[in-house]
């Protein structure tokens, strides 16, 4: 079961609409809809509020996220966003990339 399906199931079990859950969590209805359709994952603060409201632990929510391969917290940045950030001088480290330059700089600073 994905986190979205879990949230949807628990919300319905609690006999709440998306709008009612959104109001309790102080988020938009579209945020709840996005989570329930696996379009995103709640941030840390919203995960805590969600866990409290649904009477589950944050660890349980994290296990659901991890089980479905979303160990990056649901962050999904498009290539357009990356290109824009790089245009402004940011260096983007993609998953699985290893930067040798940083390692050697760190190593030389320690000597």
PDB file of N, CA and C in Angstrom:
ATOM      1  N   UNK A   1       0.849  -1.186   0.000  1.00  0.00           N
ATOM      2  CA  UNK A   1       0.000   0.000   0.000  1.00  0.00           C
ATOM      3  C   UNK A   1       0.887   1.240   0.000  1.00  0.00           C
ATOM      4  N   UNK A   2       0.573   2.184  -0.876  1.00  0.00           N
ATOM      5  CA  UNK A   2       1.334   3.436  -0.921  1.00  0.00           C
ATOM      6  C   UNK A   2       0.878   4.354   0.208  1.00  0.00           C
ATOM      7  N   UNK A   3       1.658   5.386   0.459  1.00  0.00           N
ATOM      8  CA  UNK A   3       1.275   6.357   1.482  1.00  0.00           C
ATOM      9  C   UNK A   3      -0.042   7.022   1.105  1.00  0.00           C
ATOM     10  N   UNK A   4      -0.210   7.340  -0.168  1.00  0.00           N
ATOM     11  CA  UNK A   4      -1.446   7.981  -0.616  1.00  0.00           C
ATOM     12  C   UNK A   4      -2.667   7.122  -0.346  1.00  0.00           C
ATOM     13  N   UNK A   5      -2.570   5.849  -0.666  1.00  0.00           N
ATOM     14  CA  UNK A   5      -3.691   4.931  -0.420  1.00  0.00           C
ATOM     15  C   UNK A   5      -3.954   4.803   1.083  1.00  0.00           C
ATOM     16  N   UNK A   6      -2.876   4.797   1.870  1.00  0.00           N
ATOM     17  CA  UNK A   6      -3.019   4.712   3.320  1.00  0.00           C
ATOM     18  C   UNK A   6      -3.749   5.943   3.862  1.00  0.00           C
ATOM     19  N   UNK A   7      -3.326   7.123   3.415  1.00  0.00           N
ATOM     20  CA  UNK A   7      -3.959   8.366   3.882  1.00  0.00           C
ATOM     21  C   UNK A   7      -5.439   8.356   3.504  1.00  0.00           C
ATOM     22  N   UNK A   8      -5.737   7.996   2.258  1.00  0.00           N
ATOM     23  CA  UNK A   8      -7.119   7.963   1.789  1.00  0.00           C
ATOM     24  C   UNK A   8      -7.949   6.980   2.615  1.00  0.00           C
ATOM     25  N   UNK A   9      -7.399   5.798   2.838  1.00  0.00           N
ATOM     26  CA  UNK A   9      -8.109   4.771   3.604  1.00  0.00           C
ATOM     27  C   UNK A   9      -8.396   5.250   5.034  1.00  0.00           C
ATOM     28  N   UNK A  10      -7.365   5.776   5.700  1.00  0.00           N
ATOM     29  CA  UNK A  10      -7.539   6.237   7.086  1.00  0.00           C
ATOM     30  C   UNK A  10      -8.524   7.402   7.165  1.00  0.00           C
ATOM     31  N   UNK A  11      -8.441   8.322   6.196  1.00  0.00           N
ATOM     32  CA  UNK A  11      -9.355   9.471   6.188  1.00  0.00           C
ATOM     33  C   UNK A  11     -10.801   8.987   6.079  1.00  0.00           C
ATOM     34  N   UNK A  12     -11.047   8.058   5.173  1.00  0.00           N
ATOM     35  CA  UNK A  12     -12.403   7.526   4.999  1.00  0.00           C
ATOM     36  C   UNK A  12     -12.851   6.747   6.229  1.00  0.00           C
ATOM     37  N   UNK A  13     -11.915   6.016   6.830  1.00  0.00           N
ATOM     38  CA  UNK A  13     -12.202   5.287   8.061  1.00  0.00           C
ATOM     39  C   UNK A  13     -12.629   6.251   9.167  1.00  0.00           C
ATOM     40  N   UNK A  14     -12.035   7.446   9.165  1.00  0.00           N
ATOM     41  CA  UNK A  14     -12.357   8.478  10.152  1.00  0.00           C
ATOM     42  C   UNK A  14     -13.601   9.270   9.744  1.00  0.00           C
ATOM     43  N   UNK A  15     -14.195   8.896   8.601  1.00  0.00           N
ATOM     44  CA  UNK A  15     -15.397   9.538   8.067  1.00  0.00           C
ATOM     45  C   UNK A  15     -15.195  11.044   7.875  1.00  0.00           C
ATOM     46  N   UNK A  16     -14.069  11.383   7.242  1.00  0.00           N
ATOM     47  CA  UNK A  16     -13.745  12.782   6.959  1.00  0.00           C
ATOM     48  C   UNK A  16     -13.630  12.977   5.454  1.00  0.00           C
ATOM     49  N   UNK A  17     -13.964  14.165   5.008  1.00  0.00           N
ATOM     50  CA  UNK A  17     -13.715  14.519   3.615  1.00  0.00           C
ATOM     51  C   UNK A  17     -12.282  15.036   3.514  1.00  0.00           C
ATOM     52  N   UNK A  18     -11.800  15.168   2.277  1.00  0.00           N
ATOM     53  CA  UNK A  18     -10.464  15.739   2.088  1.00  0.00           C
ATOM     54  C   UNK A  18     -10.421  17.150   2.661  1.00  0.00           C
ATOM     55  N   UNK A  19     -11.492  17.885   2.467  1.00  0.00           N
ATOM     56  CA  UNK A  19     -11.535  19.267   2.953  1.00  0.00           C
ATOM     57  C   UNK A  19     -11.502  19.320   4.479  1.00  0.00           C
ATOM     58  N   UNK A  20     -12.212  18.416   5.131  1.00  0.00           N
ATOM     59  CA  UNK A  20     -12.204  18.388   6.598  1.00  0.00           C
ATOM     60  C   UNK A  20     -10.813  18.045   7.128  1.00  0.00           C
ATOM     61  N   UNK A  21     -10.162  17.062   6.516  1.00  0.00           N
ATOM     62  CA  UNK A  21      -8.808  16.714   6.940  1.00  0.00           C
ATOM     63  C   UNK A  21      -7.857  17.882   6.693  1.00  0.00           C
ATOM     64  N   UNK A  22      -8.004  18.527   5.554  1.00  0.00           N
ATOM     65  CA  UNK A  22      -7.159  19.685   5.230  1.00  0.00           C
ATOM     66  C   UNK A  22      -7.320  20.784   6.276  1.00  0.00           C
ATOM     67  N   UNK A  23      -8.557  21.047   6.678  1.00  0.00           N
ATOM     68  CA  UNK A  23      -8.799  22.093   7.684  1.00  0.00           C
ATOM     69  C   UNK A  23      -8.157  21.752   9.020  1.00  0.00           C
ATOM     70  N   UNK A  24      -8.242  20.491   9.428  1.00  0.00           N
ATOM     71  CA  UNK A  24      -7.636  20.058  10.693  1.00  0.00           C
ATOM     72  C   UNK A  24      -6.114  20.209  10.638  1.00  0.00           C
ATOM     73  N   UNK A  25      -5.525  19.890   9.467  1.00  0.00           N
ATOM     74  CA  UNK A  25      -4.067  19.944   9.322  1.00  0.00           C
ATOM     75  C   UNK A  25      -3.549  21.321   8.944  1.00  0.00           C
ATOM     76  N   UNK A  26      -4.477  22.251   8.652  1.00  0.00           N
ATOM     77  CA  UNK A  26      -4.119  23.609   8.212  1.00  0.00           C
ATOM     78  C   UNK A  26      -3.330  23.591   6.903  1.00  0.00           C
ATOM     79  N   UNK A  27      -3.830  22.774   5.962  1.00  0.00           N
ATOM     80  CA  UNK A  27      -3.272  22.732   4.614  1.00  0.00           C
ATOM     81  C   UNK A  27      -4.437  22.882   3.640  1.00  0.00           C
ATOM     82  N   UNK A  28      -4.124  22.972   2.362  1.00  0.00           N
ATOM     83  CA  UNK A  28      -5.185  23.092   1.367  1.00  0.00           C
ATOM     84  C   UNK A  28      -5.778  21.722   1.051  1.00  0.00           C
ATOM     85  N   UNK A  29      -7.010  21.740   0.560  1.00  0.00           N
ATOM     86  CA  UNK A  29      -7.650  20.499   0.128  1.00  0.00           C
ATOM     87  C   UNK A  29      -6.841  19.864  -1.002  1.00  0.00           C
ATOM     88  N   UNK A  30      -6.268  20.703  -1.863  1.00  0.00           N
ATOM     89  CA  UNK A  30      -5.478  20.164  -2.980  1.00  0.00           C
ATOM     90  C   UNK A  30      -4.218  19.457  -2.481  1.00  0.00           C
ATOM     91  N   UNK A  31      -3.674  19.890  -1.331  1.00  0.00           N
ATOM     92  CA  UNK A  31      -2.506  19.202  -0.757  1.00  0.00           C
ATOM     93  C   UNK A  31      -2.892  17.781  -0.350  1.00  0.00           C
ATOM     94  N   UNK A  32      -4.028  17.643   0.306  1.00  0.00           N
ATOM     95  CA  UNK A  32      -4.492  16.319   0.724  1.00  0.00           C
ATOM     96  C   UNK A  32      -4.760  15.459  -0.510  1.00  0.00           C
ATOM     97  N   UNK A  33      -5.405  16.035  -1.519  1.00  0.00           N
ATOM     98  CA  UNK A  33      -5.693  15.296  -2.754  1.00  0.00           C
ATOM     99  C   UNK A  33      -4.392  14.841  -3.419  1.00  0.00           C
ATOM    100  N   UNK A  34      -3.386  15.714  -3.420  1.00  0.00           N
ATOM    101  CA  UNK A  34      -2.084  15.372  -4.014  1.00  0.00           C
ATOM    102  C   UNK A  34      -1.433  14.217  -3.274  1.00  0.00           C
ATOM    103  N   UNK A  35      -1.487  14.247  -1.942  1.00  0.00           N
ATOM    104  CA  UNK A  35      -0.901  13.162  -1.157  1.00  0.00           C
ATOM    105  C   UNK A  35      -1.622  11.845  -1.443  1.00  0.00           C
ATOM    106  N   UNK A  36      -2.965  11.917  -1.496  1.00  0.00           N
ATOM    107  CA  UNK A  36      -3.753  10.698  -1.664  1.00  0.00           C
ATOM    108  C   UNK A  36      -3.582  10.068  -3.046  1.00  0.00           C
ATOM    109  N   UNK A  37      -3.200  10.858  -4.019  1.00  0.00           N
ATOM    110  CA  UNK A  37      -2.985  10.322  -5.364  1.00  0.00           C
ATOM    111  C   UNK A  37      -1.505  10.053  -5.622  1.00  0.00           C
ATOM    112  N   UNK A  38      -0.707  10.079  -4.565  1.00  0.00           N
ATOM    113  CA  UNK A  38       0.738   9.839  -4.642  1.00  0.00           C
ATOM    114  C   UNK A  38       1.449  10.832  -5.543  1.00  0.00           C
ATOM    115  N   UNK A  39       0.906  12.049  -5.589  1.00  0.00           N
ATOM    116  CA  UNK A  39       1.543  13.116  -6.350  1.00  0.00           C
ATOM    117  C   UNK A  39       2.606  13.838  -5.543  1.00  0.00           C
ATOM    118  N   UNK A  40       2.713  13.515  -4.286  1.00  0.00           N
ATOM    119  CA  UNK A  40       3.705  14.123  -3.406  1.00  0.00           C
ATOM    120  C   UNK A  40       3.588  13.513  -2.021  1.00  0.00           C
ATOM    121  N   UNK A  41       4.550  13.840  -1.198  1.00  0.00           N
ATOM    122  CA  UNK A  41       4.599  13.327   0.171  1.00  0.00           C
ATOM    123  C   UNK A  41       4.598  14.522   1.112  1.00  0.00           C
ATOM    124  N   UNK A  42       3.825  14.463   2.176  1.00  0.00           N
ATOM    125  CA  UNK A  42       3.811  15.578   3.138  1.00  0.00           C
ATOM    126  C   UNK A  42       5.205  15.852   3.697  1.00  0.00           C
ATOM    127  N   UNK A  43       5.493  17.128   3.946  1.00  0.00           N
ATOM    128  CA  UNK A  43       6.783  17.451   4.557  1.00  0.00           C
ATOM    129  C   UNK A  43       6.781  16.972   6.011  1.00  0.00           C
ATOM    130  N   UNK A  44       7.910  17.142   6.666  1.00  0.00           N
ATOM    131  CA  UNK A  44       8.098  16.629   8.030  1.00  0.00           C
ATOM    132  C   UNK A  44       7.015  17.107   8.994  1.00  0.00           C
ATOM    133  N   UNK A  45       6.727  18.405   8.983  1.00  0.00           N
ATOM    134  CA  UNK A  45       5.735  18.942   9.913  1.00  0.00           C
ATOM    135  C   UNK A  45       4.345  18.393   9.629  1.00  0.00           C
ATOM    136  N   UNK A  46       3.993  18.298   8.340  1.00  0.00           N
ATOM    137  CA  UNK A  46       2.683  17.765   7.992  1.00  0.00           C
ATOM    138  C   UNK A  46       2.584  16.260   8.255  1.00  0.00           C
ATOM    139  N   UNK A  47       3.699  15.541   8.125  1.00  0.00           N
ATOM    140  CA  UNK A  47       3.692  14.119   8.484  1.00  0.00           C
ATOM    141  C   UNK A  47       3.386  13.950   9.965  1.00  0.00           C
ATOM    142  N   UNK A  48       3.977  14.815  10.798  1.00  0.00           N
ATOM    143  CA  UNK A  48       3.722  14.750  12.240  1.00  0.00           C
ATOM    144  C   UNK A  48       2.255  15.021  12.538  1.00  0.00           C
ATOM    145  N   UNK A  49       1.705  16.064  11.907  1.00  0.00           N
ATOM    146  CA  UNK A  49       0.289  16.395  12.140  1.00  0.00           C
ATOM    147  C   UNK A  49      -0.616  15.275  11.634  1.00  0.00           C
ATOM    148  N   UNK A  50      -0.271  14.723  10.486  1.00  0.00           N
ATOM    149  CA  UNK A  50      -1.051  13.645   9.891  1.00  0.00           C
ATOM    150  C   UNK A  50      -1.034  12.412  10.797  1.00  0.00           C
ATOM    151  N   UNK A  51       0.141  12.063  11.286  1.00  0.00           N
ATOM    152  CA  UNK A  51       0.269  10.910  12.181  1.00  0.00           C
ATOM    153  C   UNK A  51      -0.561  11.112  13.448  1.00  0.00           C
ATOM    154  N   UNK A  52      -0.481  12.295  14.008  1.00  0.00           N
ATOM    155  CA  UNK A  52      -1.238  12.586  15.233  1.00  0.00           C
ATOM    156  C   UNK A  52      -2.741  12.473  14.964  1.00  0.00           C
ATOM    157  N   UNK A  53      -3.199  13.060  13.869  1.00  0.00           N
ATOM    158  CA  UNK A  53      -4.626  13.058  13.553  1.00  0.00           C
ATOM    159  C   UNK A  53      -5.136  11.642  13.251  1.00  0.00           C
ATOM    160  N   UNK A  54      -4.297  10.837  12.585  1.00  0.00           N
ATOM    161  CA  UNK A  54      -4.714   9.492  12.195  1.00  0.00           C
ATOM    162  C   UNK A  54      -4.378   8.447  13.248  1.00  0.00           C
ATOM    163  N   UNK A  55      -3.805   8.906  14.362  1.00  0.00           N
ATOM    164  CA  UNK A  55      -3.456   8.035  15.476  1.00  0.00           C
ATOM    165  C   UNK A  55      -2.530   6.878  15.068  1.00  0.00           C
ATOM    166  N   UNK A  56      -1.496   7.250  14.314  1.00  0.00           N
ATOM    167  CA  UNK A  56      -0.431   6.311  13.947  1.00  0.00           C
ATOM    168  C   UNK A  56       0.891   7.003  14.260  1.00  0.00           C
ATOM    169  N   UNK A  57       1.967   6.250  14.245  1.00  0.00           N
ATOM    170  CA  UNK A  57       3.268   6.860  14.525  1.00  0.00           C
ATOM    171  C   UNK A  57       3.871   7.412  13.229  1.00  0.00           C
ATOM    172  N   UNK A  58       4.730   8.390  13.387  1.00  0.00           N
ATOM    173  CA  UNK A  58       5.467   8.917  12.239  1.00  0.00           C
ATOM    174  C   UNK A  58       6.334   7.802  11.655  1.00  0.00           C
ATOM    175  N   UNK A  59       6.859   6.939  12.524  1.00  0.00           N
ATOM    176  CA  UNK A  59       7.661   5.798  12.052  1.00  0.00           C
ATOM    177  C   UNK A  59       6.848   4.904  11.119  1.00  0.00           C
ATOM    178  N   UNK A  60       5.586   4.692  11.447  1.00  0.00           N
ATOM    179  CA  UNK A  60       4.740   3.864  10.587  1.00  0.00           C
ATOM    180  C   UNK A  60       4.589   4.512   9.213  1.00  0.00           C
ATOM    181  N   UNK A  61       4.401   5.822   9.183  1.00  0.00           N
ATOM    182  CA  UNK A  61       4.295   6.524   7.898  1.00  0.00           C
ATOM    183  C   UNK A  61       5.607   6.432   7.119  1.00  0.00           C
ATOM    184  N   UNK A  62       6.728   6.561   7.822  1.00  0.00           N
ATOM    185  CA  UNK A  62       8.035   6.440   7.168  1.00  0.00           C
ATOM    186  C   UNK A  62       8.257   5.035   6.607  1.00  0.00           C
ATOM    187  N   UNK A  63       7.797   4.027   7.337  1.00  0.00           N
ATOM    188  CA  UNK A  63       7.934   2.652   6.830  1.00  0.00           C
ATOM    189  C   UNK A  63       7.151   2.471   5.533  1.00  0.00           C
ATOM    190  N   UNK A  64       5.964   3.066   5.454  1.00  0.00           N
ATOM    191  CA  UNK A  64       5.166   2.981   4.234  1.00  0.00           C
ATOM    192  C   UNK A  64       5.893   3.680   3.092  1.00  0.00           C
ATOM    193  N   UNK A  65       6.458   4.842   3.373  1.00  0.00           N
ATOM    194  CA  UNK A  65       7.195   5.587   2.355  1.00  0.00           C
ATOM    195  C   UNK A  65       8.396   4.776   1.890  1.00  0.00           C
ATOM    196  N   UNK A  66       9.180   4.250   2.830  1.00  0.00           N
ATOM    197  CA  UNK A  66      10.384   3.486   2.496  1.00  0.00           C
ATOM    198  C   UNK A  66      10.059   2.213   1.724  1.00  0.00           C
ATOM    199  N   UNK A  67       8.987   1.552   2.107  1.00  0.00           N
ATOM    200  CA  UNK A  67       8.593   0.303   1.461  1.00  0.00           C
ATOM    201  C   UNK A  67       8.284   0.521  -0.023  1.00  0.00           C
ATOM    202  N   UNK A  68       7.856   1.728  -0.358  1.00  0.00           N
ATOM    203  CA  UNK A  68       7.491   2.022  -1.741  1.00  0.00           C
ATOM    204  C   UNK A  68       8.594   2.735  -2.499  1.00  0.00           C
ATOM    205  N   UNK A  69       9.785   2.758  -1.936  1.00  0.00           N
ATOM    206  CA  UNK A  69      10.941   3.281  -2.666  1.00  0.00           C
ATOM    207  C   UNK A  69      11.069   4.788  -2.687  1.00  0.00           C
ATOM    208  N   UNK A  70      10.374   5.496  -1.810  1.00  0.00           N
ATOM    209  CA  UNK A  70      10.475   6.950  -1.779  1.00  0.00           C
ATOM    210  C   UNK A  70      11.369   7.400  -0.642  1.00  0.00           C
ATOM    211  N   UNK A  71      12.604   7.005  -0.658  1.00  0.00           N
ATOM    212  CA  UNK A  71      13.515   7.346   0.429  1.00  0.00           C
ATOM    213  C   UNK A  71      14.002   8.783   0.356  1.00  0.00           C
ATOM    214  N   UNK A  72      13.697   9.462  -0.754  1.00  0.00           N
ATOM    215  CA  UNK A  72      14.151  10.845  -0.891  1.00  0.00           C
ATOM    216  C   UNK A  72      13.108  11.811  -0.348  1.00  0.00           C
ATOM    217  N   UNK A  73      12.062  11.347   0.361  1.00  0.00           N
ATOM    218  CA  UNK A  73      11.065  12.212   0.903  1.00  0.00           C
ATOM    219  C   UNK A  73      10.113  12.776  -0.101  1.00  0.00           C
ATOM    220  N   UNK A  74      10.078  12.165  -1.304  1.00  0.00           N
ATOM    221  CA  UNK A  74       9.154  12.598  -2.301  1.00  0.00           C
ATOM    222  C   UNK A  74       9.572  13.769  -3.117  1.00  0.00           C
ATOM    223  N   UNK A  75      10.834  14.131  -2.972  1.00  0.00           N
ATOM    224  CA  UNK A  75      11.320  15.276  -3.725  1.00  0.00           C
ATOM    225  C   UNK A  75      11.533  14.866  -5.166  1.00  0.00           C
ATOM    226  N   UNK A  76      10.919  15.601  -6.063  1.00  0.00           N
ATOM    227  CA  UNK A  76      11.053  15.320  -7.482  1.00  0.00           C
ATOM    228  C   UNK A  76      11.309  16.648  -8.188  1.00  0.00           C
ATOM    229  N   UNK A  77      12.533  16.875  -8.603  1.00  0.00           N
ATOM    230  CA  UNK A  77      12.903  18.126  -9.263  1.00  0.00           C
ATOM    231  C   UNK A  77      13.116  17.845 -10.740  1.00  0.00           C
ATOM    232  N   UNK A  78      12.450  18.601 -11.573  1.00  0.00           N
ATOM    233  CA  UNK A  78      12.562  18.400 -13.016  1.00  0.00           C
ATOM    234  C   UNK A  78      13.898  18.925 -13.521  1.00  0.00           C
ATOM    235  N   UNK A  79      14.264  18.473 -14.708  1.00  0.00           N
ATOM    236  CA  UNK A  79      15.507  18.936 -15.333  1.00  0.00           C
ATOM    237  C   UNK A  79      15.474  20.449 -15.567  1.00  0.00           C
ATOM    238  N   UNK A  80      14.294  21.018 -15.826  1.00  0.00           N
ATOM    239  CA  UNK A  80      14.182  22.472 -16.013  1.00  0.00           C
ATOM    240  C   UNK A  80      14.568  23.223 -14.739  1.00  0.00           C
ATOM    241  N   UNK A  81      14.112  22.714 -13.611  1.00  0.00           N
ATOM    242  CA  UNK A  81      14.440  23.351 -12.327  1.00  0.00           C
ATOM    243  C   UNK A  81      15.934  23.222 -12.060  1.00  0.00           C
ATOM    244  N   UNK A  82      16.487  22.046 -12.330  1.00  0.00           N
ATOM    245  CA  UNK A  82      17.923  21.836 -12.136  1.00  0.00           C
ATOM    246  C   UNK A  82      18.718  22.795 -13.013  1.00  0.00           C
ATOM    247  N   UNK A  83      18.320  22.928 -14.278  1.00  0.00           N
ATOM    248  CA  UNK A  83      19.021  23.828 -15.206  1.00  0.00           C
ATOM    249  C   UNK A  83      18.965  25.267 -14.703  1.00  0.00           C
ATOM    250  N   UNK A  84      17.821  25.675 -14.178  1.00  0.00           N
ATOM    251  CA  UNK A  84      17.683  27.036 -13.649  1.00  0.00           C
ATOM    252  C   UNK A  84      18.582  27.241 -12.442  1.00  0.00           C
ATOM    253  N   UNK A  85      18.606  26.275 -11.528  1.00  0.00           N
ATOM    254  CA  UNK A  85      19.468  26.382 -10.349  1.00  0.00           C
ATOM    255  C   UNK A  85      20.938  26.449 -10.748  1.00  0.00           C
ATOM    256  N   UNK A  86      21.320  25.620 -11.720  1.00  0.00           N
ATOM    257  CA  UNK A  86      22.710  25.629 -12.185  1.00  0.00           C
ATOM    258  C   UNK A  86      23.047  26.961 -12.859  1.00  0.00           C
ATOM    259  N   UNK A  87      22.072  27.554 -13.531  1.00  0.00           N
ATOM    260  CA  UNK A  87      22.260  28.859 -14.160  1.00  0.00           C
ATOM    261  C   UNK A  87      22.615  29.922 -13.121  1.00  0.00           C
ATOM    262  N   UNK A  88      22.052  29.768 -11.919  1.00  0.00           N
ATOM    263  CA  UNK A  88      22.323  30.707 -10.830  1.00  0.00           C
ATOM    264  C   UNK A  88      23.540  30.311  -9.999  1.00  0.00           C
ATOM    265  N   UNK A  89      24.298  29.314 -10.463  1.00  0.00           N
ATOM    266  CA  UNK A  89      25.545  28.966  -9.806  1.00  0.00           C
ATOM    267  C   UNK A  89      25.472  27.835  -8.805  1.00  0.00           C
ATOM    268  N   UNK A  90      24.290  27.238  -8.621  1.00  0.00           N
ATOM    269  CA  UNK A  90      24.182  26.111  -7.701  1.00  0.00           C
ATOM    270  C   UNK A  90      24.747  24.860  -8.360  1.00  0.00           C
ATOM    271  N   UNK A  91      25.395  24.030  -7.562  1.00  0.00           N
ATOM    272  CA  UNK A  91      25.868  22.741  -8.056  1.00  0.00           C
ATOM    273  C   UNK A  91      24.894  21.681  -7.559  1.00  0.00           C
ATOM    274  N   UNK A  92      24.342  20.939  -8.477  1.00  0.00           N
ATOM    275  CA  UNK A  92      23.327  19.947  -8.141  1.00  0.00           C
ATOM    276  C   UNK A  92      23.963  18.557  -8.129  1.00  0.00           C
ATOM    277  N   UNK A  93      23.824  17.861  -7.022  1.00  0.00           N
ATOM    278  CA  UNK A  93      24.320  16.490  -6.922  1.00  0.00           C
ATOM    279  C   UNK A  93      23.137  15.561  -7.151  1.00  0.00           C
ATOM    280  N   UNK A  94      23.203  14.810  -8.222  1.00  0.00           N
ATOM    281  CA  UNK A  94      22.136  13.875  -8.549  1.00  0.00           C
ATOM    282  C   UNK A  94      22.343  12.574  -7.777  1.00  0.00           C
ATOM    283  N   UNK A  95      21.253  11.823  -7.530  1.00  0.00           N
ATOM    284  CA  UNK A  95      21.389  10.552  -6.799  1.00  0.00           C
ATOM    285  C   UNK A  95      22.420   9.639  -7.459  1.00  0.00           C
ATOM    286  N   UNK A  96      23.296   9.072  -6.653  1.00  0.00           N
ATOM    287  CA  UNK A  96      24.306   8.146  -7.156  1.00  0.00           C
ATOM    288  C   UNK A  96      25.574   8.825  -7.644  1.00  0.00           C
ATOM    289  N   UNK A  97      25.562  10.151  -7.720  1.00  0.00           N
ATOM    290  CA  UNK A  97      26.758  10.872  -8.173  1.00  0.00           C
ATOM    291  C   UNK A  97      27.746  10.987  -7.027  1.00  0.00           C
ATOM    292  N   UNK A  98      29.012  10.864  -7.357  1.00  0.00           N
ATOM    293  CA  UNK A  98      30.051  11.036  -6.350  1.00  0.00           C
ATOM    294  C   UNK A  98      30.982  12.136  -6.830  1.00  0.00           C
ATOM    295  N   UNK A  99      31.239  13.093  -6.009  1.00  0.00           N
ATOM    296  CA  UNK A  99      32.090  14.215  -6.397  1.00  0.00           C
ATOM    297  C   UNK A  99      33.480  14.021  -5.828  1.00  0.00           C
ATOM    298  N   UNK A 100      34.402  13.647  -6.688  1.00  0.00           N
ATOM    299  CA  UNK A 100      35.779  13.460  -6.247  1.00  0.00           C
ATOM    300  C   UNK A 100      36.402  14.766  -5.788  1.00  0.00           C
ATOM    301  N   UNK A 101      36.058  15.845  -6.435  1.00  0.00           N
ATOM    302  CA  UNK A 101      36.662  17.137  -6.090  1.00  0.00           C
ATOM    303  C   UNK A 101      36.410  17.460  -4.622  1.00  0.00           C
ATOM    304  N   UNK A 102      35.163  17.272  -4.183  1.00  0.00           N
ATOM    305  CA  UNK A 102      34.834  17.547  -2.793  1.00  0.00           C
ATOM    306  C   UNK A 102      35.614  16.667  -1.839  1.00  0.00           C
ATOM    307  N   UNK A 103      35.831  15.426  -2.207  1.00  0.00           N
ATOM    308  CA  UNK A 103      36.574  14.499  -1.368  1.00  0.00           C
ATOM    309  C   UNK A 103      38.014  14.981  -1.218  1.00  0.00           C
ATOM    310  N   UNK A 104      38.639  15.369  -2.320  1.00  0.00           N
ATOM    311  CA  UNK A 104      40.039  15.797  -2.253  1.00  0.00           C
ATOM    312  C   UNK A 104      40.179  17.118  -1.504  1.00  0.00           C
ATOM    313  N   UNK A 105      39.257  18.008  -1.671  1.00  0.00           N
ATOM    314  CA  UNK A 105      39.308  19.268  -0.913  1.00  0.00           C
ATOM    315  C   UNK A 105      39.197  18.962   0.580  1.00  0.00           C
ATOM    316  N   UNK A 106      38.268  18.115   0.946  1.00  0.00           N
ATOM    317  CA  UNK A 106      38.109  17.744   2.344  1.00  0.00           C
ATOM    318  C   UNK A 106      39.383  17.065   2.875  1.00  0.00           C
ATOM    319  N   UNK A 107      39.921  16.159   2.068  1.00  0.00           N
ATOM    320  CA  UNK A 107      41.112  15.428   2.475  1.00  0.00           C
ATOM    321  C   UNK A 107      42.287  16.393   2.674  1.00  0.00           C
ATOM    322  N   UNK A 108      42.452  17.333   1.769  1.00  0.00           N
ATOM    323  CA  UNK A 108      43.576  18.277   1.866  1.00  0.00           C
ATOM    324  C   UNK A 108      43.410  19.221   3.052  1.00  0.00           C
ATOM    325  N   UNK A 109      42.186  19.568   3.397  1.00  0.00           N
ATOM    326  CA  UNK A 109      41.969  20.448   4.540  1.00  0.00           C
ATOM    327  C   UNK A 109      42.338  19.784   5.856  1.00  0.00           C
ATOM    328  N   UNK A 110      42.255  18.482   5.894  1.00  0.00           N
ATOM    329  CA  UNK A 110      42.535  17.761   7.136  1.00  0.00           C
ATOM    330  C   UNK A 110      44.033  17.623   7.375  1.00  0.00           C
ATOM    331  N   UNK A 111      44.858  17.760   6.352  1.00  0.00           N
ATOM    332  CA  UNK A 111      46.309  17.577   6.525  1.00  0.00           C
ATOM    333  C   UNK A 111      46.955  18.752   7.205  1.00  0.00           C
TER     334      UNK A 111
END
